[in-house]
PDB file of N, CA and C in Angstrom:
ATOM      1  N   UNK A   1      67.033 -10.512  -3.062  1.00  0.00           N
ATOM      2  CA  UNK A   1      67.408 -10.911  -4.400  1.00  0.00           C
ATOM      3  C   UNK A   1      67.099 -12.404  -4.575  1.00  0.00           C
ATOM      4  N   UNK A   2      66.410 -12.725  -5.636  1.00  0.00           N
ATOM      5  CA  UNK A   2      66.026 -14.098  -5.916  1.00  0.00           C
ATOM      6  C   UNK A   2      66.876 -14.642  -7.055  1.00  0.00           C
ATOM      7  N   UNK A   3      67.443 -15.820  -6.836  1.00  0.00           N
ATOM      8  CA  UNK A   3      68.277 -16.453  -7.855  1.00  0.00           C
ATOM      9  C   UNK A   3      67.526 -17.660  -8.390  1.00  0.00           C
ATOM     10  N   UNK A   4      67.381 -17.727  -9.699  1.00  0.00           N
ATOM     11  CA  UNK A   4      66.716 -18.850 -10.341  1.00  0.00           C
ATOM     12  C   UNK A   4      67.749 -19.712 -11.051  1.00  0.00           C
ATOM     13  N   UNK A   5      67.650 -20.998 -10.832  1.00  0.00           N
ATOM     14  CA  UNK A   5      68.531 -21.945 -11.513  1.00  0.00           C
ATOM     15  C   UNK A   5      67.659 -22.754 -12.458  1.00  0.00           C
ATOM     16  N   UNK A   6      68.021 -22.781 -13.718  1.00  0.00           N
ATOM     17  CA  UNK A   6      67.212 -23.476 -14.715  1.00  0.00           C
ATOM     18  C   UNK A   6      67.263 -24.991 -14.500  1.00  0.00           C
ATOM     19  N   UNK A   7      66.267 -25.655 -15.046  1.00  0.00           N
ATOM     20  CA  UNK A   7      66.190 -27.114 -14.936  1.00  0.00           C
ATOM     21  C   UNK A   7      67.422 -27.778 -15.540  1.00  0.00           C
ATOM     22  N   UNK A   8      67.884 -27.291 -16.684  1.00  0.00           N
ATOM     23  CA  UNK A   8      69.066 -27.872 -17.328  1.00  0.00           C
ATOM     24  C   UNK A   8      70.306 -27.749 -16.458  1.00  0.00           C
ATOM     25  N   UNK A   9      70.443 -26.629 -15.780  1.00  0.00           N
ATOM     26  CA  UNK A   9      71.603 -26.430 -14.888  1.00  0.00           C
ATOM     27  C   UNK A   9      71.532 -27.376 -13.692  1.00  0.00           C
ATOM     28  N   UNK A  10      70.332 -27.631 -13.188  1.00  0.00           N
ATOM     29  CA  UNK A  10      70.176 -28.557 -12.065  1.00  0.00           C
ATOM     30  C   UNK A  10      70.522 -29.986 -12.494  1.00  0.00           C
ATOM     31  N   UNK A  11      70.123 -30.359 -13.693  1.00  0.00           N
ATOM     32  CA  UNK A  11      70.452 -31.690 -14.214  1.00  0.00           C
ATOM     33  C   UNK A  11      71.959 -31.804 -14.407  1.00  0.00           C
ATOM     34  N   UNK A  12      72.600 -30.753 -14.891  1.00  0.00           N
ATOM     35  CA  UNK A  12      74.064 -30.742 -15.027  1.00  0.00           C
ATOM     36  C   UNK A  12      74.733 -30.875 -13.665  1.00  0.00           C
ATOM     37  N   UNK A  13      74.179 -30.213 -12.649  1.00  0.00           N
ATOM     38  CA  UNK A  13      74.712 -30.303 -11.294  1.00  0.00           C
ATOM     39  C   UNK A  13      74.661 -31.741 -10.795  1.00  0.00           C
ATOM     40  N   UNK A  14      73.554 -32.431 -11.052  1.00  0.00           N
ATOM     41  CA  UNK A  14      73.447 -33.843 -10.680  1.00  0.00           C
ATOM     42  C   UNK A  14      74.567 -34.634 -11.357  1.00  0.00           C
ATOM     43  N   UNK A  15      74.778 -34.393 -12.638  1.00  0.00           N
ATOM     44  CA  UNK A  15      75.843 -35.085 -13.370  1.00  0.00           C
ATOM     45  C   UNK A  15      77.209 -34.857 -12.756  1.00  0.00           C
ATOM     46  N   UNK A  16      77.475 -33.636 -12.325  1.00  0.00           N
ATOM     47  CA  UNK A  16      78.764 -33.337 -11.688  1.00  0.00           C
ATOM     48  C   UNK A  16      78.895 -34.055 -10.350  1.00  0.00           C
ATOM     49  N   UNK A  17      77.826 -34.090  -9.568  1.00  0.00           N
ATOM     50  CA  UNK A  17      77.857 -34.793  -8.286  1.00  0.00           C
ATOM     51  C   UNK A  17      78.055 -36.290  -8.482  1.00  0.00           C
ATOM     52  N   UNK A  18      77.357 -36.854  -9.454  1.00  0.00           N
ATOM     53  CA  UNK A  18      77.501 -38.283  -9.745  1.00  0.00           C
ATOM     54  C   UNK A  18      78.940 -38.588 -10.133  1.00  0.00           C
ATOM     55  N   UNK A  19      79.533 -37.743 -10.982  1.00  0.00           N
ATOM     56  CA  UNK A  19      80.910 -38.007 -11.425  1.00  0.00           C
ATOM     57  C   UNK A  19      81.929 -37.851 -10.299  1.00  0.00           C
ATOM     58  N   UNK A  20      81.587 -37.091  -9.265  1.00  0.00           N
ATOM     59  CA  UNK A  20      82.473 -36.983  -8.105  1.00  0.00           C
ATOM     60  C   UNK A  20      82.470 -38.273  -7.283  1.00  0.00           C
ATOM     61  N   UNK A  21      81.292 -38.887  -7.150  1.00  0.00           N
ATOM     62  CA  UNK A  21      81.170 -40.106  -6.347  1.00  0.00           C
ATOM     63  C   UNK A  21      81.583 -41.336  -7.155  1.00  0.00           C
ATOM     64  N   UNK A  22      81.074 -41.438  -8.381  1.00  0.00           N
ATOM     65  CA  UNK A  22      81.374 -42.565  -9.266  1.00  0.00           C
ATOM     66  C   UNK A  22      81.733 -42.027 -10.651  1.00  0.00           C
ATOM     67  N   UNK A  23      83.004 -41.743 -10.896  1.00  0.00           N
ATOM     68  CA  UNK A  23      83.422 -41.133 -12.170  1.00  0.00           C
ATOM     69  C   UNK A  23      83.052 -41.944 -13.413  1.00  0.00           C
ATOM     70  N   UNK A  24      82.900 -43.249 -13.277  1.00  0.00           N
ATOM     71  CA  UNK A  24      82.595 -44.081 -14.446  1.00  0.00           C
ATOM     72  C   UNK A  24      81.108 -44.316 -14.656  1.00  0.00           C
ATOM     73  N   UNK A  25      80.259 -43.667 -13.871  1.00  0.00           N
ATOM     74  CA  UNK A  25      78.809 -43.843 -14.038  1.00  0.00           C
ATOM     75  C   UNK A  25      78.313 -42.846 -15.078  1.00  0.00           C
ATOM     76  N   UNK A  26      78.532 -43.204 -16.325  1.00  0.00           N
ATOM     77  CA  UNK A  26      78.084 -42.420 -17.472  1.00  0.00           C
ATOM     78  C   UNK A  26      77.945 -43.368 -18.657  1.00  0.00           C
ATOM     79  N   UNK A  27      77.335 -42.904 -19.708  1.00  0.00           N
ATOM     80  CA  UNK A  27      77.052 -43.793 -20.842  1.00  0.00           C
ATOM     81  C   UNK A  27      78.305 -44.310 -21.539  1.00  0.00           C
ATOM     82  N   UNK A  28      79.416 -43.597 -21.452  1.00  0.00           N
ATOM     83  CA  UNK A  28      80.636 -44.057 -22.121  1.00  0.00           C
ATOM     84  C   UNK A  28      81.392 -45.116 -21.327  1.00  0.00           C
ATOM     85  N   UNK A  29      81.418 -44.999 -20.006  1.00  0.00           N
ATOM     86  CA  UNK A  29      82.280 -45.855 -19.194  1.00  0.00           C
ATOM     87  C   UNK A  29      81.571 -46.998 -18.478  1.00  0.00           C
ATOM     88  N   UNK A  30      80.317 -46.838 -18.160  1.00  0.00           N
ATOM     89  CA  UNK A  30      79.584 -47.884 -17.427  1.00  0.00           C
ATOM     90  C   UNK A  30      79.192 -49.015 -18.376  1.00  0.00           C
ATOM     91  N   UNK A  31      79.289 -50.223 -17.869  1.00  0.00           N
ATOM     92  CA  UNK A  31      78.785 -51.366 -18.614  1.00  0.00           C
ATOM     93  C   UNK A  31      77.394 -51.684 -18.081  1.00  0.00           C
ATOM     94  N   UNK A  32      76.584 -52.325 -18.907  1.00  0.00           N
ATOM     95  CA  UNK A  32      75.241 -52.700 -18.468  1.00  0.00           C
ATOM     96  C   UNK A  32      74.951 -54.137 -18.875  1.00  0.00           C
ATOM     97  N   UNK A  33      74.120 -54.764 -18.068  1.00  0.00           N
ATOM     98  CA  UNK A  33      73.726 -56.143 -18.334  1.00  0.00           C
ATOM     99  C   UNK A  33      72.282 -56.321 -17.884  1.00  0.00           C
ATOM    100  N   UNK A  34      71.496 -57.006 -18.692  1.00  0.00           N
ATOM    101  CA  UNK A  34      70.099 -57.285 -18.347  1.00  0.00           C
ATOM    102  C   UNK A  34      70.018 -58.553 -17.505  1.00  0.00           C
ATOM    103  N   UNK A  35      69.157 -58.502 -16.503  1.00  0.00           N
ATOM    104  CA  UNK A  35      68.916 -59.646 -15.626  1.00  0.00           C
ATOM    105  C   UNK A  35      67.418 -59.849 -15.494  1.00  0.00           C
ATOM    106  N   UNK A  36      67.022 -61.071 -15.264  1.00  0.00           N
ATOM    107  CA  UNK A  36      65.621 -61.365 -15.013  1.00  0.00           C
ATOM    108  C   UNK A  36      65.534 -62.374 -13.882  1.00  0.00           C
ATOM    109  N   UNK A  37      64.643 -62.108 -12.937  1.00  0.00           N
ATOM    110  CA  UNK A  37      64.443 -63.055 -11.840  1.00  0.00           C
ATOM    111  C   UNK A  37      63.005 -63.562 -11.871  1.00  0.00           C
ATOM    112  N   UNK A  38      62.603 -64.021 -13.011  1.00  0.00           N
ATOM    113  CA  UNK A  38      61.244 -64.524 -13.188  1.00  0.00           C
ATOM    114  C   UNK A  38      60.337 -63.468 -13.770  1.00  0.00           C
ATOM    115  N   UNK A  39      59.556 -62.822 -12.903  1.00  0.00           N
ATOM    116  CA  UNK A  39      58.582 -61.838 -13.357  1.00  0.00           C
ATOM    117  C   UNK A  39      59.173 -60.461 -13.602  1.00  0.00           C
ATOM    118  N   UNK A  40      60.305 -60.170 -12.990  1.00  0.00           N
ATOM    119  CA  UNK A  40      60.862 -58.822 -13.085  1.00  0.00           C
ATOM    120  C   UNK A  40      62.194 -58.837 -13.825  1.00  0.00           C
ATOM    121  N   UNK A  41      62.382 -57.808 -14.635  1.00  0.00           N
ATOM    122  CA  UNK A  41      63.611 -57.663 -15.400  1.00  0.00           C
ATOM    123  C   UNK A  41      64.239 -56.324 -15.067  1.00  0.00           C
ATOM    124  N   UNK A  42      65.560 -56.326 -14.915  1.00  0.00           N
ATOM    125  CA  UNK A  42      66.256 -55.069 -14.654  1.00  0.00           C
ATOM    126  C   UNK A  42      67.559 -55.010 -15.427  1.00  0.00           C
ATOM    127  N   UNK A  43      68.036 -53.801 -15.606  1.00  0.00           N
ATOM    128  CA  UNK A  43      69.336 -53.563 -16.230  1.00  0.00           C
ATOM    129  C   UNK A  43      70.255 -53.069 -15.137  1.00  0.00           C
ATOM    130  N   UNK A  44      71.389 -53.722 -15.013  1.00  0.00           N
ATOM    131  CA  UNK A  44      72.369 -53.344 -13.996  1.00  0.00           C
ATOM    132  C   UNK A  44      73.478 -52.541 -14.672  1.00  0.00           C
ATOM    133  N   UNK A  45      73.804 -51.396 -14.094  1.00  0.00           N
ATOM    134  CA  UNK A  45      74.887 -50.549 -14.577  1.00  0.00           C
ATOM    135  C   UNK A  45      76.035 -50.680 -13.593  1.00  0.00           C
ATOM    136  N   UNK A  46      77.226 -50.999 -14.111  1.00  0.00           N
ATOM    137  CA  UNK A  46      78.335 -51.275 -13.207  1.00  0.00           C
ATOM    138  C   UNK A  46      79.659 -50.796 -13.778  1.00  0.00           C
ATOM    139  N   UNK A  47      80.636 -50.719 -12.882  1.00  0.00           N
ATOM    140  CA  UNK A  47      81.991 -50.305 -13.242  1.00  0.00           C
ATOM    141  C   UNK A  47      82.775 -51.546 -13.649  1.00  0.00           C
ATOM    142  N   UNK A  48      83.335 -51.571 -14.839  1.00  0.00           N
ATOM    143  CA  UNK A  48      84.058 -52.762 -15.288  1.00  0.00           C
ATOM    144  C   UNK A  48      85.356 -53.003 -14.523  1.00  0.00           C
ATOM    145  N   UNK A  49      85.833 -52.011 -13.779  1.00  0.00           N
ATOM    146  CA  UNK A  49      87.101 -52.135 -13.072  1.00  0.00           C
ATOM    147  C   UNK A  49      86.950 -52.540 -11.610  1.00  0.00           C
ATOM    148  N   UNK A  50      85.722 -52.503 -11.084  1.00  0.00           N
ATOM    149  CA  UNK A  50      85.476 -52.848  -9.684  1.00  0.00           C
ATOM    150  C   UNK A  50      84.646 -54.114  -9.655  1.00  0.00           C
ATOM    151  N   UNK A  51      85.143 -55.127  -9.019  1.00  0.00           N
ATOM    152  CA  UNK A  51      84.448 -56.417  -8.971  1.00  0.00           C
ATOM    153  C   UNK A  51      83.440 -56.456  -7.821  1.00  0.00           C
ATOM    154  N   UNK A  52      82.379 -57.215  -8.003  1.00  0.00           N
ATOM    155  CA  UNK A  52      81.388 -57.429  -6.958  1.00  0.00           C
ATOM    156  C   UNK A  52      80.378 -56.306  -6.850  1.00  0.00           C
ATOM    157  N   UNK A  53      79.620 -56.324  -5.761  1.00  0.00           N
ATOM    158  CA  UNK A  53      78.543 -55.346  -5.559  1.00  0.00           C
ATOM    159  C   UNK A  53      79.039 -53.923  -5.395  1.00  0.00           C
ATOM    160  N   UNK A  54      80.284 -53.734  -4.973  1.00  0.00           N
ATOM    161  CA  UNK A  54      80.815 -52.375  -4.805  1.00  0.00           C
ATOM    162  C   UNK A  54      80.898 -51.645  -6.144  1.00  0.00           C
ATOM    163  N   UNK A  55      80.955 -52.381  -7.235  1.00  0.00           N
ATOM    164  CA  UNK A  55      81.056 -51.775  -8.550  1.00  0.00           C
ATOM    165  C   UNK A  55      79.727 -51.487  -9.215  1.00  0.00           C
ATOM    166  N   UNK A  56      78.623 -51.844  -8.549  1.00  0.00           N
ATOM    167  CA  UNK A  56      77.300 -51.626  -9.137  1.00  0.00           C
ATOM    168  C   UNK A  56      76.853 -50.196  -8.841  1.00  0.00           C
ATOM    169  N   UNK A  57      76.597 -49.445  -9.915  1.00  0.00           N
ATOM    170  CA  UNK A  57      76.129 -48.066  -9.777  1.00  0.00           C
ATOM    171  C   UNK A  57      74.628 -48.014  -9.523  1.00  0.00           C
ATOM    172  N   UNK A  58      73.892 -48.794 -10.315  1.00  0.00           N
ATOM    173  CA  UNK A  58      72.437 -48.704 -10.254  1.00  0.00           C
ATOM    174  C   UNK A  58      71.799 -49.898 -10.955  1.00  0.00           C
ATOM    175  N   UNK A  59      70.528 -50.079 -10.649  1.00  0.00           N
ATOM    176  CA  UNK A  59      69.688 -51.028 -11.369  1.00  0.00           C
ATOM    177  C   UNK A  59      68.468 -50.252 -11.846  1.00  0.00           C
ATOM    178  N   UNK A  60      68.052 -50.544 -13.063  1.00  0.00           N
ATOM    179  CA  UNK A  60      66.843 -49.930 -13.600  1.00  0.00           C
ATOM    180  C   UNK A  60      65.829 -51.042 -13.842  1.00  0.00           C
ATOM    181  N   UNK A  61      64.746 -51.016 -13.070  1.00  0.00           N
ATOM    182  CA  UNK A  61      63.691 -52.020 -13.163  1.00  0.00           C
ATOM    183  C   UNK A  61      62.741 -51.614 -14.284  1.00  0.00           C
ATOM    184  N   UNK A  62      62.740 -52.411 -15.354  1.00  0.00           N
ATOM    185  CA  UNK A  62      62.015 -52.053 -16.574  1.00  0.00           C
ATOM    186  C   UNK A  62      60.518 -51.907 -16.377  1.00  0.00           C
ATOM    187  N   UNK A  63      59.854 -52.869 -15.765  1.00  0.00           N
ATOM    188  CA  UNK A  63      58.398 -52.846 -15.672  1.00  0.00           C
ATOM    189  C   UNK A  63      57.899 -51.815 -14.673  1.00  0.00           C
ATOM    190  N   UNK A  64      58.679 -51.566 -13.620  1.00  0.00           N
ATOM    191  CA  UNK A  64      58.277 -50.575 -12.613  1.00  0.00           C
ATOM    192  C   UNK A  64      58.762 -49.174 -12.972  1.00  0.00           C
ATOM    193  N   UNK A  65      59.665 -49.094 -13.973  1.00  0.00           N
ATOM    194  CA  UNK A  65      60.299 -47.831 -14.358  1.00  0.00           C
ATOM    195  C   UNK A  65      60.908 -47.156 -13.132  1.00  0.00           C
ATOM    196  N   UNK A  66      61.635 -47.967 -12.353  1.00  0.00           N
ATOM    197  CA  UNK A  66      62.229 -47.500 -11.101  1.00  0.00           C
ATOM    198  C   UNK A  66      63.750 -47.590 -11.172  1.00  0.00           C
ATOM    199  N   UNK A  67      64.395 -46.525 -10.773  1.00  0.00           N
ATOM    200  CA  UNK A  67      65.846 -46.469 -10.698  1.00  0.00           C
ATOM    201  C   UNK A  67      66.251 -46.788  -9.270  1.00  0.00           C
ATOM    202  N   UNK A  68      67.085 -47.795  -9.100  1.00  0.00           N
ATOM    203  CA  UNK A  68      67.583 -48.176  -7.786  1.00  0.00           C
ATOM    204  C   UNK A  68      69.077 -47.863  -7.759  1.00  0.00           C
ATOM    205  N   UNK A  69      69.432 -46.775  -7.072  1.00  0.00           N
ATOM    206  CA  UNK A  69      70.818 -46.317  -7.039  1.00  0.00           C
ATOM    207  C   UNK A  69      71.622 -47.032  -5.965  1.00  0.00           C
ATOM    208  N   UNK A  70      72.929 -47.062  -6.172  1.00  0.00           N
ATOM    209  CA  UNK A  70      73.865 -47.484  -5.140  1.00  0.00           C
ATOM    210  C   UNK A  70      73.587 -46.631  -3.903  1.00  0.00           C
ATOM    211  N   UNK A  71      73.579 -47.242  -2.727  1.00  0.00           N
ATOM    212  CA  UNK A  71      73.189 -46.534  -1.499  1.00  0.00           C
ATOM    213  C   UNK A  71      74.058 -45.305  -1.237  1.00  0.00           C
ATOM    214  N   UNK A  72      75.368 -45.430  -1.430  1.00  0.00           N
ATOM    215  CA  UNK A  72      76.275 -44.295  -1.206  1.00  0.00           C
ATOM    216  C   UNK A  72      75.920 -43.125  -2.120  1.00  0.00           C
ATOM    217  N   UNK A  73      75.670 -43.426  -3.371  1.00  0.00           N
ATOM    218  CA  UNK A  73      75.305 -42.385  -4.326  1.00  0.00           C
ATOM    219  C   UNK A  73      73.953 -41.773  -3.969  1.00  0.00           C
ATOM    220  N   UNK A  74      72.990 -42.615  -3.627  1.00  0.00           N
ATOM    221  CA  UNK A  74      71.669 -42.121  -3.262  1.00  0.00           C
ATOM    222  C   UNK A  74      71.769 -41.159  -2.078  1.00  0.00           C
ATOM    223  N   UNK A  75      72.505 -41.548  -1.048  1.00  0.00           N
ATOM    224  CA  UNK A  75      72.613 -40.705   0.146  1.00  0.00           C
ATOM    225  C   UNK A  75      73.336 -39.393  -0.151  1.00  0.00           C
ATOM    226  N   UNK A  76      74.327 -39.428  -1.021  1.00  0.00           N
ATOM    227  CA  UNK A  76      75.015 -38.200  -1.418  1.00  0.00           C
ATOM    228  C   UNK A  76      74.060 -37.251  -2.124  1.00  0.00           C
ATOM    229  N   UNK A  77      73.310 -37.779  -3.084  1.00  0.00           N
ATOM    230  CA  UNK A  77      72.369 -36.949  -3.838  1.00  0.00           C
ATOM    231  C   UNK A  77      71.224 -36.459  -2.957  1.00  0.00           C
ATOM    232  N   UNK A  78      70.748 -37.323  -2.078  1.00  0.00           N
ATOM    233  CA  UNK A  78      69.673 -36.923  -1.172  1.00  0.00           C
ATOM    234  C   UNK A  78      70.152 -35.820  -0.223  1.00  0.00           C
ATOM    235  N   UNK A  79      71.422 -35.867   0.153  1.00  0.00           N
ATOM    236  CA  UNK A  79      71.986 -34.817   1.001  1.00  0.00           C
ATOM    237  C   UNK A  79      71.984 -33.460   0.324  1.00  0.00           C
ATOM    238  N   UNK A  80      72.095 -33.440  -0.984  1.00  0.00           N
ATOM    239  CA  UNK A  80      72.099 -32.179  -1.734  1.00  0.00           C
ATOM    240  C   UNK A  80      70.705 -31.739  -2.186  1.00  0.00           C
ATOM    241  N   UNK A  81      69.862 -32.703  -2.544  1.00  0.00           N
ATOM    242  CA  UNK A  81      68.571 -32.371  -3.137  1.00  0.00           C
ATOM    243  C   UNK A  81      67.377 -32.674  -2.236  1.00  0.00           C
ATOM    244  N   UNK A  82      67.628 -33.293  -1.089  1.00  0.00           N
ATOM    245  CA  UNK A  82      66.532 -33.621  -0.184  1.00  0.00           C
ATOM    246  C   UNK A  82      65.629 -34.684  -0.785  1.00  0.00           C
ATOM    247  N   UNK A  83      64.359 -34.602  -0.454  1.00  0.00           N
ATOM    248  CA  UNK A  83      63.403 -35.602  -0.924  1.00  0.00           C
ATOM    249  C   UNK A  83      63.020 -35.445  -2.387  1.00  0.00           C
ATOM    250  N   UNK A  84      63.289 -34.289  -2.971  1.00  0.00           N
ATOM    251  CA  UNK A  84      62.938 -34.058  -4.370  1.00  0.00           C
ATOM    252  C   UNK A  84      64.078 -34.521  -5.272  1.00  0.00           C
ATOM    253  N   UNK A  85      63.962 -35.750  -5.754  1.00  0.00           N
ATOM    254  CA  UNK A  85      65.011 -36.341  -6.588  1.00  0.00           C
ATOM    255  C   UNK A  85      64.647 -36.276  -8.067  1.00  0.00           C
ATOM    256  N   UNK A  86      63.771 -35.358  -8.433  1.00  0.00           N
ATOM    257  CA  UNK A  86      63.320 -35.217  -9.813  1.00  0.00           C
ATOM    258  C   UNK A  86      64.494 -35.009 -10.766  1.00  0.00           C
ATOM    259  N   UNK A  87      65.452 -34.180 -10.374  1.00  0.00           N
ATOM    260  CA  UNK A  87      66.587 -33.895 -11.253  1.00  0.00           C
ATOM    261  C   UNK A  87      67.501 -35.110 -11.399  1.00  0.00           C
ATOM    262  N   UNK A  88      67.552 -35.942 -10.388  1.00  0.00           N
ATOM    263  CA  UNK A  88      68.338 -37.179 -10.463  1.00  0.00           C
ATOM    264  C   UNK A  88      67.715 -38.109 -11.492  1.00  0.00           C
ATOM    265  N   UNK A  89      66.406 -38.235 -11.447  1.00  0.00           N
ATOM    266  CA  UNK A  89      65.697 -39.069 -12.423  1.00  0.00           C
ATOM    267  C   UNK A  89      65.892 -38.507 -13.830  1.00  0.00           C
ATOM    268  N   UNK A  90      65.776 -37.201 -13.975  1.00  0.00           N
ATOM    269  CA  UNK A  90      65.976 -36.565 -15.289  1.00  0.00           C
ATOM    270  C   UNK A  90      67.390 -36.804 -15.810  1.00  0.00           C
ATOM    271  N   UNK A  91      68.391 -36.679 -14.926  1.00  0.00           N
ATOM    272  CA  UNK A  91      69.779 -36.917 -15.346  1.00  0.00           C
ATOM    273  C   UNK A  91      69.924 -38.342 -15.857  1.00  0.00           C
ATOM    274  N   UNK A  92      69.448 -39.312 -15.089  1.00  0.00           N
ATOM    275  CA  UNK A  92      69.562 -40.719 -15.482  1.00  0.00           C
ATOM    276  C   UNK A  92      68.868 -40.977 -16.814  1.00  0.00           C
ATOM    277  N   UNK A  93      67.649 -40.487 -16.956  1.00  0.00           N
ATOM    278  CA  UNK A  93      66.909 -40.695 -18.203  1.00  0.00           C
ATOM    279  C   UNK A  93      67.639 -40.087 -19.395  1.00  0.00           C
ATOM    280  N   UNK A  94      68.201 -38.902 -19.223  1.00  0.00           N
ATOM    281  CA  UNK A  94      68.957 -38.263 -20.312  1.00  0.00           C
ATOM    282  C   UNK A  94      70.248 -39.013 -20.613  1.00  0.00           C
ATOM    283  N   UNK A  95      70.950 -39.421 -19.577  1.00  0.00           N
ATOM    284  CA  UNK A  95      72.261 -40.064 -19.742  1.00  0.00           C
ATOM    285  C   UNK A  95      72.143 -41.453 -20.371  1.00  0.00           C
ATOM    286  N   UNK A  96      71.128 -42.219 -19.962  1.00  0.00           N
ATOM    287  CA  UNK A  96      71.026 -43.618 -20.389  1.00  0.00           C
ATOM    288  C   UNK A  96      69.803 -43.910 -21.257  1.00  0.00           C
ATOM    289  N   UNK A  97      69.104 -42.867 -21.684  1.00  0.00           N
ATOM    290  CA  UNK A  97      67.951 -43.002 -22.572  1.00  0.00           C
ATOM    291  C   UNK A  97      66.920 -43.994 -22.013  1.00  0.00           C
ATOM    292  N   UNK A  98      66.498 -43.735 -20.781  1.00  0.00           N
ATOM    293  CA  UNK A  98      65.504 -44.567 -20.094  1.00  0.00           C
ATOM    294  C   UNK A  98      64.285 -43.728 -19.735  1.00  0.00           C
ATOM    295  N   UNK A  99      63.328 -44.362 -19.081  1.00  0.00           N
ATOM    296  CA  UNK A  99      62.073 -43.702 -18.721  1.00  0.00           C
ATOM    297  C   UNK A  99      61.753 -43.871 -17.234  1.00  0.00           C
ATOM    298  N   UNK A 100      62.747 -43.740 -16.381  1.00  0.00           N
ATOM    299  CA  UNK A 100      62.513 -43.907 -14.942  1.00  0.00           C
ATOM    300  C   UNK A 100      61.530 -42.864 -14.448  1.00  0.00           C
ATOM    301  N   UNK A 101      60.677 -43.287 -13.526  1.00  0.00           N
ATOM    302  CA  UNK A 101      59.694 -42.380 -12.929  1.00  0.00           C
ATOM    303  C   UNK A 101      59.909 -42.208 -11.433  1.00  0.00           C
ATOM    304  N   UNK A 102      60.705 -43.102 -10.828  1.00  0.00           N
ATOM    305  CA  UNK A 102      60.981 -43.006  -9.399  1.00  0.00           C
ATOM    306  C   UNK A 102      62.406 -43.465  -9.127  1.00  0.00           C
ATOM    307  N   UNK A 103      62.890 -43.123  -7.932  1.00  0.00           N
ATOM    308  CA  UNK A 103      64.250 -43.497  -7.550  1.00  0.00           C
ATOM    309  C   UNK A 103      64.245 -43.954  -6.101  1.00  0.00           C
ATOM    310  N   UNK A 104      65.055 -44.959  -5.844  1.00  0.00           N
ATOM    311  CA  UNK A 104      65.215 -45.523  -4.506  1.00  0.00           C
ATOM    312  C   UNK A 104      66.664 -45.998  -4.349  1.00  0.00           C
ATOM    313  N   UNK A 105      66.957 -46.612  -3.228  1.00  0.00           N
ATOM    314  CA  UNK A 105      68.304 -47.178  -3.037  1.00  0.00           C
ATOM    315  C   UNK A 105      68.214 -48.652  -2.757  1.00  0.00           C
TER     316      UNK A 105
END
């Protein structure tokens, strides 16, 4: 018996996993701030209630269209999805209206 899971259901699964690790990493609760270090610009998504680097969920590098996830979150998602993080990228793009093409930690 073969079970097929639709793309939308897989993206929803990513959202549920993300909310288990970081409940505030969503468009309603996460704050964002743009940063530039000369040639490169990124948007940092963070938890307003956690101070310092522990509260940073992700960075989105605008010119590279690269999503850089918090290491703990990345490892959790990689444990479930392996090397194919396509659904993670799709979830992020849908949730935050971005155009990420790759993901790293």
